[in-house]
C-alpha cells in the first residue's frame, strides 16, 4: 500500500489490506456515482505541460449566490496548476486563470519549443474572440471537445466531482470561507492524495518529475520486505 510504503518503509500489498478490511466489514460502497471517461483523448500526453484542461464548475455561498471555480489542470499529471474563484464565467476570467498557470508553471519565463495546448469545452467564454486573441498572443493552441461529449475533458470533470465530494460537505456563508476551503483541498489533492491512475502517486510527484525515483524506491522496499518475510518464515520452519 503506497502510503504505508512511503511513510513506514514497509511493503503491504493492496490485496492484503482489502482482505483485512473486508473481513472486518469495513468496505463501504461509495455514496456517489463515478463519472468515467470511456473515450480517451485521441493524442495521449507523455509529459507535463503538453496539454492543459480547463473548465468552470459551480459552487454556492449562502446569501451570496453562485460562484464559479475556474481551473487549469495538467492533462498528464492531473496537477492543478492554477485556479480562481470567480463571480462570472467571462473570457477575462479564463485568461486570468491562464496567466496564473503560465506563471506557476514557469512557462512564461522558460524558453520552450511549444507552449501548452489548451483543451476546453464549447462554453461561451471558450469560444470568445477575447480568449482567441489572448491565446494567439501567447502562442498557445486551443482544442475544443465535441459538443455534448464531456468525456473529452474527462480528467477535469473528474476533478470537479472529487472537489465537490469534499467541499460540499458543509455550507458556506462567506466567499472567503469557500475560497479558503478550496485552497486547502487543492493543496491536499496535489500533494497528498494518491491517484490509482498515476500508479498511486500524487499529481505533484508526477508533475515535478519525482515519479520514477519514488517507484524505484517502492520496488526496493518491496524486495527487502519480501526477503525479510522469507527469512522469518525459514526461521520459524527450522
C-alpha atoms as a PDB file:
ATOM      1  CA  UNK A   1       0.000   0.000   0.000  1.00  0.00           C
ATOM      2  CA  UNK A   2       1.768   3.207  -1.174  1.00  0.00           C
ATOM      3  CA  UNK A   3       1.159   5.471   1.880  1.00  0.00           C
ATOM      4  CA  UNK A   4       2.460   2.767   4.217  1.00  0.00           C
ATOM      5  CA  UNK A   5       5.422   2.010   1.961  1.00  0.00           C
ATOM      6  CA  UNK A   6       6.378   5.674   1.604  1.00  0.00           C
ATOM      7  CA  UNK A   7       5.982   6.616   5.269  1.00  0.00           C
ATOM      8  CA  UNK A   8       6.706   3.409   7.217  1.00  0.00           C
ATOM      9  CA  UNK A   9       9.219   1.963   4.737  1.00  0.00           C
ATOM     10  CA  UNK A  10       7.432  -1.392   4.743  1.00  0.00           C
ATOM     11  CA  UNK A  11       5.503  -3.107   1.943  1.00  0.00           C
ATOM     12  CA  UNK A  12       1.957  -4.407   2.352  1.00  0.00           C
ATOM     13  CA  UNK A  13       0.017  -5.329  -0.777  1.00  0.00           C
ATOM     14  CA  UNK A  14      -3.320  -3.699  -1.505  1.00  0.00           C
ATOM     15  CA  UNK A  15      -4.891  -7.156  -1.765  1.00  0.00           C
ATOM     16  CA  UNK A  16      -3.927  -7.906   1.852  1.00  0.00           C
ATOM     17  CA  UNK A  17      -5.343  -4.583   3.033  1.00  0.00           C
ATOM     18  CA  UNK A  18      -8.582  -5.220   1.137  1.00  0.00           C
ATOM     19  CA  UNK A  19      -8.974  -8.714   2.602  1.00  0.00           C
ATOM     20  CA  UNK A  20      -8.447  -7.410   6.144  1.00  0.00           C
ATOM     21  CA  UNK A  21     -10.928  -4.571   5.702  1.00  0.00           C
ATOM     22  CA  UNK A  22     -13.484  -6.879   4.123  1.00  0.00           C
ATOM     23  CA  UNK A  23     -13.085  -9.429   6.918  1.00  0.00           C
ATOM     24  CA  UNK A  24     -13.988  -6.712   9.434  1.00  0.00           C
ATOM     25  CA  UNK A  25     -16.887  -5.431   7.255  1.00  0.00           C
ATOM     26  CA  UNK A  26     -15.142  -2.100   6.631  1.00  0.00           C
ATOM     27  CA  UNK A  27     -15.560  -1.988   2.848  1.00  0.00           C
ATOM     28  CA  UNK A  28     -18.330   0.501   2.115  1.00  0.00           C
ATOM     29  CA  UNK A  29     -19.779   1.288  -1.284  1.00  0.00           C
ATOM     30  CA  UNK A  30     -19.211   4.882  -2.423  1.00  0.00           C
ATOM     31  CA  UNK A  31     -22.048   7.331  -1.795  1.00  0.00           C
ATOM     32  CA  UNK A  32     -21.595   8.917  -5.217  1.00  0.00           C
ATOM     33  CA  UNK A  33     -21.695   7.934  -8.860  1.00  0.00           C
ATOM     34  CA  UNK A  34     -18.289   7.774 -10.508  1.00  0.00           C
ATOM     35  CA  UNK A  35     -18.044   9.547 -13.842  1.00  0.00           C
ATOM     36  CA  UNK A  36     -15.941   7.521 -16.255  1.00  0.00           C
ATOM     37  CA  UNK A  37     -14.221   8.836 -19.356  1.00  0.00           C
ATOM     38  CA  UNK A  38     -14.545   5.876 -21.702  1.00  0.00           C
ATOM     39  CA  UNK A  39     -13.116   7.589 -24.748  1.00  0.00           C
ATOM     40  CA  UNK A  40      -9.602   8.894 -24.246  1.00  0.00           C
ATOM     41  CA  UNK A  41      -8.310  11.996 -25.964  1.00  0.00           C
ATOM     42  CA  UNK A  42      -7.019  10.926 -29.372  1.00  0.00           C
ATOM     43  CA  UNK A  43      -3.410  12.006 -28.660  1.00  0.00           C
ATOM     44  CA  UNK A  44      -2.233  10.980 -25.211  1.00  0.00           C
ATOM     45  CA  UNK A  45       0.219  13.268 -23.456  1.00  0.00           C
ATOM     46  CA  UNK A  46       3.643  11.957 -22.499  1.00  0.00           C
ATOM     47  CA  UNK A  47       4.949  14.680 -20.169  1.00  0.00           C
ATOM     48  CA  UNK A  48       3.733  17.667 -18.123  1.00  0.00           C
ATOM     49  CA  UNK A  49       2.741  20.953 -19.755  1.00  0.00           C
ATOM     50  CA  UNK A  50       1.895  19.440 -23.127  1.00  0.00           C
ATOM     51  CA  UNK A  51      -1.855  19.862 -22.684  1.00  0.00           C
ATOM     52  CA  UNK A  52      -3.847  21.805 -20.110  1.00  0.00           C
ATOM     53  CA  UNK A  53      -7.523  21.142 -19.466  1.00  0.00           C
ATOM     54  CA  UNK A  54      -9.703  23.992 -18.245  1.00  0.00           C
ATOM     55  CA  UNK A  55     -13.317  24.393 -17.207  1.00  0.00           C
ATOM     56  CA  UNK A  56     -15.686  26.094 -14.751  1.00  0.00           C
ATOM     57  CA  UNK A  57     -17.762  24.494 -12.028  1.00  0.00           C
ATOM     58  CA  UNK A  58     -20.493  25.953  -9.792  1.00  0.00           C
ATOM     59  CA  UNK A  59     -20.230  26.450  -6.023  1.00  0.00           C
ATOM     60  CA  UNK A  60     -22.835  28.216  -3.890  1.00  0.00           C
ATOM     61  CA  UNK A  61     -22.345  30.600  -0.965  1.00  0.00           C
ATOM     62  CA  UNK A  62     -25.470  31.029   1.168  1.00  0.00           C
ATOM     63  CA  UNK A  63     -26.801  34.589   0.920  1.00  0.00           C
ATOM     64  CA  UNK A  64     -24.342  35.464  -1.855  1.00  0.00           C
ATOM     65  CA  UNK A  65     -25.363  33.180  -4.689  1.00  0.00           C
ATOM     66  CA  UNK A  66     -23.328  31.175  -7.137  1.00  0.00           C
ATOM     67  CA  UNK A  67     -19.572  31.404  -7.620  1.00  0.00           C
ATOM     68  CA  UNK A  68     -17.608  29.792 -10.425  1.00  0.00           C
ATOM     69  CA  UNK A  69     -14.312  27.980  -9.970  1.00  0.00           C
ATOM     70  CA  UNK A  70     -12.021  28.260 -12.979  1.00  0.00           C
ATOM     71  CA  UNK A  71      -9.284  25.623 -13.016  1.00  0.00           C
ATOM     72  CA  UNK A  72      -6.297  24.800 -15.194  1.00  0.00           C
ATOM     73  CA  UNK A  73      -5.349  21.120 -14.844  1.00  0.00           C
ATOM     74  CA  UNK A  74      -2.296  19.469 -16.383  1.00  0.00           C
ATOM     75  CA  UNK A  75      -3.519  16.584 -18.524  1.00  0.00           C
ATOM     76  CA  UNK A  76      -0.516  14.295 -17.962  1.00  0.00           C
ATOM     77  CA  UNK A  77      -0.178  14.570 -14.179  1.00  0.00           C
ATOM     78  CA  UNK A  78      -3.672  15.797 -13.149  1.00  0.00           C
ATOM     79  CA  UNK A  79      -1.870  18.533 -11.206  1.00  0.00           C
ATOM     80  CA  UNK A  80      -3.987  21.629 -10.557  1.00  0.00           C
ATOM     81  CA  UNK A  81      -1.653  24.327 -11.857  1.00  0.00           C
ATOM     82  CA  UNK A  82      -3.868  27.334 -11.202  1.00  0.00           C
ATOM     83  CA  UNK A  83      -7.388  28.199 -10.110  1.00  0.00           C
ATOM     84  CA  UNK A  84      -9.548  31.246  -9.493  1.00  0.00           C
ATOM     85  CA  UNK A  85     -12.889  31.675  -7.739  1.00  0.00           C
ATOM     86  CA  UNK A  86     -14.921  33.990  -9.950  1.00  0.00           C
ATOM     87  CA  UNK A  87     -18.252  35.809  -9.852  1.00  0.00           C
ATOM     88  CA  UNK A  88     -18.785  35.216 -13.572  1.00  0.00           C
ATOM     89  CA  UNK A  89     -17.662  32.905 -16.371  1.00  0.00           C
ATOM     90  CA  UNK A  90     -16.302  35.551 -18.693  1.00  0.00           C
ATOM     91  CA  UNK A  91     -13.401  35.158 -21.105  1.00  0.00           C
ATOM     92  CA  UNK A  92     -11.411  37.515 -18.884  1.00  0.00           C
ATOM     93  CA  UNK A  93     -11.780  35.020 -16.017  1.00  0.00           C
ATOM     94  CA  UNK A  94     -10.336  32.326 -18.257  1.00  0.00           C
ATOM     95  CA  UNK A  95      -7.380  34.466 -19.303  1.00  0.00           C
ATOM     96  CA  UNK A  96      -6.741  35.485 -15.687  1.00  0.00           C
ATOM     97  CA  UNK A  97      -6.554  31.805 -14.699  1.00  0.00           C
ATOM     98  CA  UNK A  98      -4.277  31.054 -17.638  1.00  0.00           C
ATOM     99  CA  UNK A  99      -1.990  33.928 -16.646  1.00  0.00           C
ATOM    100  CA  UNK A 100      -1.718  32.360 -13.186  1.00  0.00           C
ATOM    101  CA  UNK A 101      -0.970  28.981 -14.783  1.00  0.00           C
ATOM    102  CA  UNK A 102       1.768  30.347 -17.021  1.00  0.00           C
ATOM    103  CA  UNK A 103       3.410  31.998 -14.025  1.00  0.00           C
ATOM    104  CA  UNK A 104       3.045  28.984 -11.714  1.00  0.00           C
ATOM    105  CA  UNK A 105       4.400  26.559 -14.327  1.00  0.00           C
ATOM    106  CA  UNK A 106       7.257  28.814 -15.372  1.00  0.00           C
ATOM    107  CA  UNK A 107       6.118  28.671 -18.987  1.00  0.00           C
ATOM    108  CA  UNK A 108       6.047  32.457 -19.103  1.00  0.00           C
ATOM    109  CA  UNK A 109       9.802  32.539 -18.456  1.00  0.00           C
ATOM    110  CA  UNK A 110      11.183  29.265 -19.834  1.00  0.00           C
ATOM    111  CA  UNK A 111      12.375  29.033 -23.425  1.00  0.00           C
ATOM    112  CA  UNK A 112      10.197  26.145 -24.629  1.00  0.00           C
ATOM    113  CA  UNK A 113       9.656  24.811 -28.125  1.00  0.00           C
ATOM    114  CA  UNK A 114       5.889  24.603 -27.700  1.00  0.00           C
ATOM    115  CA  UNK A 115       3.593  26.269 -25.200  1.00  0.00           C
ATOM    116  CA  UNK A 116       0.931  24.002 -23.661  1.00  0.00           C
ATOM    117  CA  UNK A 117      -2.155  23.393 -25.749  1.00  0.00           C
ATOM    118  CA  UNK A 118      -5.457  24.274 -24.125  1.00  0.00           C
ATOM    119  CA  UNK A 119      -8.373  21.847 -24.046  1.00  0.00           C
ATOM    120  CA  UNK A 120     -11.830  23.154 -23.165  1.00  0.00           C
ATOM    121  CA  UNK A 121     -15.499  22.660 -23.933  1.00  0.00           C
ATOM    122  CA  UNK A 122     -17.552  24.973 -26.137  1.00  0.00           C
ATOM    123  CA  UNK A 123     -18.861  27.312 -23.457  1.00  0.00           C
ATOM    124  CA  UNK A 124     -19.321  30.994 -24.383  1.00  0.00           C
ATOM    125  CA  UNK A 125     -16.136  32.076 -22.591  1.00  0.00           C
ATOM    126  CA  UNK A 126     -14.078  29.496 -24.504  1.00  0.00           C
ATOM    127  CA  UNK A 127     -15.286  30.438 -27.978  1.00  0.00           C
ATOM    128  CA  UNK A 128     -14.975  34.186 -27.338  1.00  0.00           C
ATOM    129  CA  UNK A 129     -12.741  36.302 -29.546  1.00  0.00           C
ATOM    130  CA  UNK A 130     -11.077  37.763 -26.448  1.00  0.00           C
ATOM    131  CA  UNK A 131      -9.732  34.330 -25.478  1.00  0.00           C
ATOM    132  CA  UNK A 132      -8.672  33.563 -29.050  1.00  0.00           C
ATOM    133  CA  UNK A 133      -6.689  36.806 -29.195  1.00  0.00           C
ATOM    134  CA  UNK A 134      -5.041  36.083 -25.833  1.00  0.00           C
ATOM    135  CA  UNK A 135      -4.052  32.558 -26.879  1.00  0.00           C
ATOM    136  CA  UNK A 136      -2.616  33.819 -30.159  1.00  0.00           C
ATOM    137  CA  UNK A 137      -0.590  36.461 -28.323  1.00  0.00           C
ATOM    138  CA  UNK A 138       0.781  33.773 -26.001  1.00  0.00           C
ATOM    139  CA  UNK A 139       1.469  31.224 -28.751  1.00  0.00           C
ATOM    140  CA  UNK A 140      -0.951  28.641 -27.336  1.00  0.00           C
ATOM    141  CA  UNK A 141      -3.065  26.334 -29.475  1.00  0.00           C
ATOM    142  CA  UNK A 142      -6.682  25.705 -28.495  1.00  0.00           C
ATOM    143  CA  UNK A 143      -8.531  22.391 -28.822  1.00  0.00           C
ATOM    144  CA  UNK A 144     -12.239  22.120 -28.012  1.00  0.00           C
ATOM    145  CA  UNK A 145     -14.126  18.943 -27.278  1.00  0.00           C
ATOM    146  CA  UNK A 146     -17.046  17.778 -29.383  1.00  0.00           C
ATOM    147  CA  UNK A 147     -20.414  19.209 -28.291  1.00  0.00           C
ATOM    148  CA  UNK A 148     -22.331  17.036 -25.794  1.00  0.00           C
ATOM    149  CA  UNK A 149     -19.234  14.875 -25.234  1.00  0.00           C
ATOM    150  CA  UNK A 150     -17.802  15.751 -21.784  1.00  0.00           C
ATOM    151  CA  UNK A 151     -15.641  12.604 -21.812  1.00  0.00           C
ATOM    152  CA  UNK A 152     -13.078  14.536 -23.867  1.00  0.00           C
ATOM    153  CA  UNK A 153     -12.465  16.704 -20.809  1.00  0.00           C
ATOM    154  CA  UNK A 154     -12.871  13.684 -18.540  1.00  0.00           C
ATOM    155  CA  UNK A 155      -9.957  14.465 -16.238  1.00  0.00           C
ATOM    156  CA  UNK A 156     -11.132  17.916 -15.250  1.00  0.00           C
ATOM    157  CA  UNK A 157     -14.728  16.670 -14.982  1.00  0.00           C
ATOM    158  CA  UNK A 158     -13.468  14.011 -12.568  1.00  0.00           C
ATOM    159  CA  UNK A 159     -11.540  16.693 -10.666  1.00  0.00           C
ATOM    160  CA  UNK A 160     -14.754  18.694 -10.236  1.00  0.00           C
ATOM    161  CA  UNK A 161     -16.504  15.642  -8.810  1.00  0.00           C
ATOM    162  CA  UNK A 162     -13.625  14.907  -6.429  1.00  0.00           C
ATOM    163  CA  UNK A 163     -13.616  18.510  -5.242  1.00  0.00           C
ATOM    164  CA  UNK A 164     -17.362  18.679  -4.693  1.00  0.00           C
ATOM    165  CA  UNK A 165     -17.473  15.376  -2.846  1.00  0.00           C
ATOM    166  CA  UNK A 166     -15.314  17.060  -0.212  1.00  0.00           C
ATOM    167  CA  UNK A 167     -16.139  20.770  -0.428  1.00  0.00           C
ATOM    168  CA  UNK A 168     -19.927  20.423  -0.445  1.00  0.00           C
ATOM    169  CA  UNK A 169     -19.996  18.561   2.871  1.00  0.00           C
ATOM    170  CA  UNK A 170     -20.685  21.901   4.575  1.00  0.00           C
ATOM    171  CA  UNK A 171     -22.449  25.193   3.878  1.00  0.00           C
ATOM    172  CA  UNK A 172     -20.563  28.415   3.215  1.00  0.00           C
ATOM    173  CA  UNK A 173     -21.768  31.865   4.230  1.00  0.00           C
ATOM    174  CA  UNK A 174     -18.815  33.982   3.092  1.00  0.00           C
ATOM    175  CA  UNK A 175     -16.916  33.799  -0.205  1.00  0.00           C
ATOM    176  CA  UNK A 176     -13.662  33.908   1.744  1.00  0.00           C
ATOM    177  CA  UNK A 177     -14.610  30.748   3.644  1.00  0.00           C
ATOM    178  CA  UNK A 178     -15.305  28.892   0.408  1.00  0.00           C
ATOM    179  CA  UNK A 179     -12.084  30.138  -1.171  1.00  0.00           C
ATOM    180  CA  UNK A 180     -10.056  29.042   1.875  1.00  0.00           C
ATOM    181  CA  UNK A 181     -11.546  25.539   1.782  1.00  0.00           C
ATOM    182  CA  UNK A 182     -10.894  25.231  -1.955  1.00  0.00           C
ATOM    183  CA  UNK A 183      -7.277  26.244  -1.379  1.00  0.00           C
ATOM    184  CA  UNK A 184      -6.812  23.684   1.407  1.00  0.00           C
ATOM    185  CA  UNK A 185      -8.320  20.883  -0.653  1.00  0.00           C
ATOM    186  CA  UNK A 186      -6.285  21.703  -3.763  1.00  0.00           C
ATOM    187  CA  UNK A 187      -3.102  21.513  -1.688  1.00  0.00           C
ATOM    188  CA  UNK A 188      -4.238  18.114  -0.381  1.00  0.00           C
ATOM    189  CA  UNK A 189      -5.223  16.950  -3.876  1.00  0.00           C
ATOM    190  CA  UNK A 190      -1.934  18.000  -5.461  1.00  0.00           C
ATOM    191  CA  UNK A 191       0.498  16.879  -2.768  1.00  0.00           C
ATOM    192  CA  UNK A 192      -1.103  14.234  -0.536  1.00  0.00           C
ATOM    193  CA  UNK A 193      -3.868  12.399  -2.393  1.00  0.00           C
ATOM    194  CA  UNK A 194      -2.676   9.256  -4.152  1.00  0.00           C
ATOM    195  CA  UNK A 195      -4.148   8.529  -7.605  1.00  0.00           C
ATOM    196  CA  UNK A 196      -4.598   4.978  -8.812  1.00  0.00           C
ATOM    197  CA  UNK A 197      -4.416   6.208 -12.418  1.00  0.00           C
ATOM    198  CA  UNK A 198      -0.986   7.724 -11.630  1.00  0.00           C
ATOM    199  CA  UNK A 199       0.371   4.409 -10.279  1.00  0.00           C
ATOM    200  CA  UNK A 200      -0.536   5.510  -6.760  1.00  0.00           C
ATOM    201  CA  UNK A 201       1.465   8.716  -6.910  1.00  0.00           C
ATOM    202  CA  UNK A 202       0.312  12.257  -6.223  1.00  0.00           C
ATOM    203  CA  UNK A 203      -0.152  14.756  -9.062  1.00  0.00           C
ATOM    204  CA  UNK A 204       2.773  16.786  -7.702  1.00  0.00           C
ATOM    205  CA  UNK A 205       5.044  13.729  -7.793  1.00  0.00           C
ATOM    206  CA  UNK A 206       4.321  13.284 -11.496  1.00  0.00           C
ATOM    207  CA  UNK A 207       4.244  16.976 -12.429  1.00  0.00           C
ATOM    208  CA  UNK A 208       7.612  17.718 -10.804  1.00  0.00           C
ATOM    209  CA  UNK A 209       9.289  14.553 -12.082  1.00  0.00           C
ATOM    210  CA  UNK A 210       9.656  12.654  -8.806  1.00  0.00           C
ATOM    211  CA  UNK A 211       7.632   9.676 -10.013  1.00  0.00           C
ATOM    212  CA  UNK A 212      10.410   7.338 -11.216  1.00  0.00           C
ATOM    213  CA  UNK A 213      12.519   7.874  -8.101  1.00  0.00           C
ATOM    214  CA  UNK A 214       9.549   7.079  -5.840  1.00  0.00           C
ATOM    215  CA  UNK A 215       8.542   3.997  -7.837  1.00  0.00           C
ATOM    216  CA  UNK A 216      12.087   2.613  -7.771  1.00  0.00           C
ATOM    217  CA  UNK A 217      12.287   3.225  -4.025  1.00  0.00           C
ATOM    218  CA  UNK A 218       8.974   1.414  -3.508  1.00  0.00           C
ATOM    219  CA  UNK A 219      10.195  -1.549  -5.521  1.00  0.00           C
ATOM    220  CA  UNK A 220      13.385  -1.716  -3.442  1.00  0.00           C
ATOM    221  CA  UNK A 221      11.357  -1.636  -0.200  1.00  0.00           C
ATOM    222  CA  UNK A 222       9.058  -4.339  -1.573  1.00  0.00           C
ATOM    223  CA  UNK A 223      12.002  -6.640  -2.336  1.00  0.00           C
ATOM    224  CA  UNK A 224      13.520  -6.035   1.096  1.00  0.00           C
ATOM    225  CA  UNK A 225      10.205  -6.721   2.840  1.00  0.00           C
ATOM    226  CA  UNK A 226       9.650  -9.972   0.942  1.00  0.00           C
ATOM    227  CA  UNK A 227      13.200 -11.077   1.737  1.00  0.00           C
ATOM    228  CA  UNK A 228      12.690 -10.347   5.445  1.00  0.00           C
ATOM    229  CA  UNK A 229       9.434 -12.314   5.451  1.00  0.00           C
ATOM    230  CA  UNK A 230      11.123 -15.307   3.825  1.00  0.00           C
ATOM    231  CA  UNK A 231      13.892 -15.254   6.427  1.00  0.00           C
ATOM    232  CA  UNK A 232      11.349 -15.116   9.265  1.00  0.00           C
ATOM    233  CA  UNK A 233       9.375 -17.959   7.680  1.00  0.00           C
ATOM    234  CA  UNK A 234      12.539 -20.064   7.319  1.00  0.00           C
ATOM    235  CA  UNK A 235      13.473 -19.413  10.947  1.00  0.00           C
ATOM    236  CA  UNK A 236      10.028 -20.472  12.139  1.00  0.00           C
ATOM    237  CA  UNK A 237      10.115 -23.578   9.938  1.00  0.00           C
ATOM    238  CA  UNK A 238      13.569 -24.646  11.189  1.00  0.00           C
END
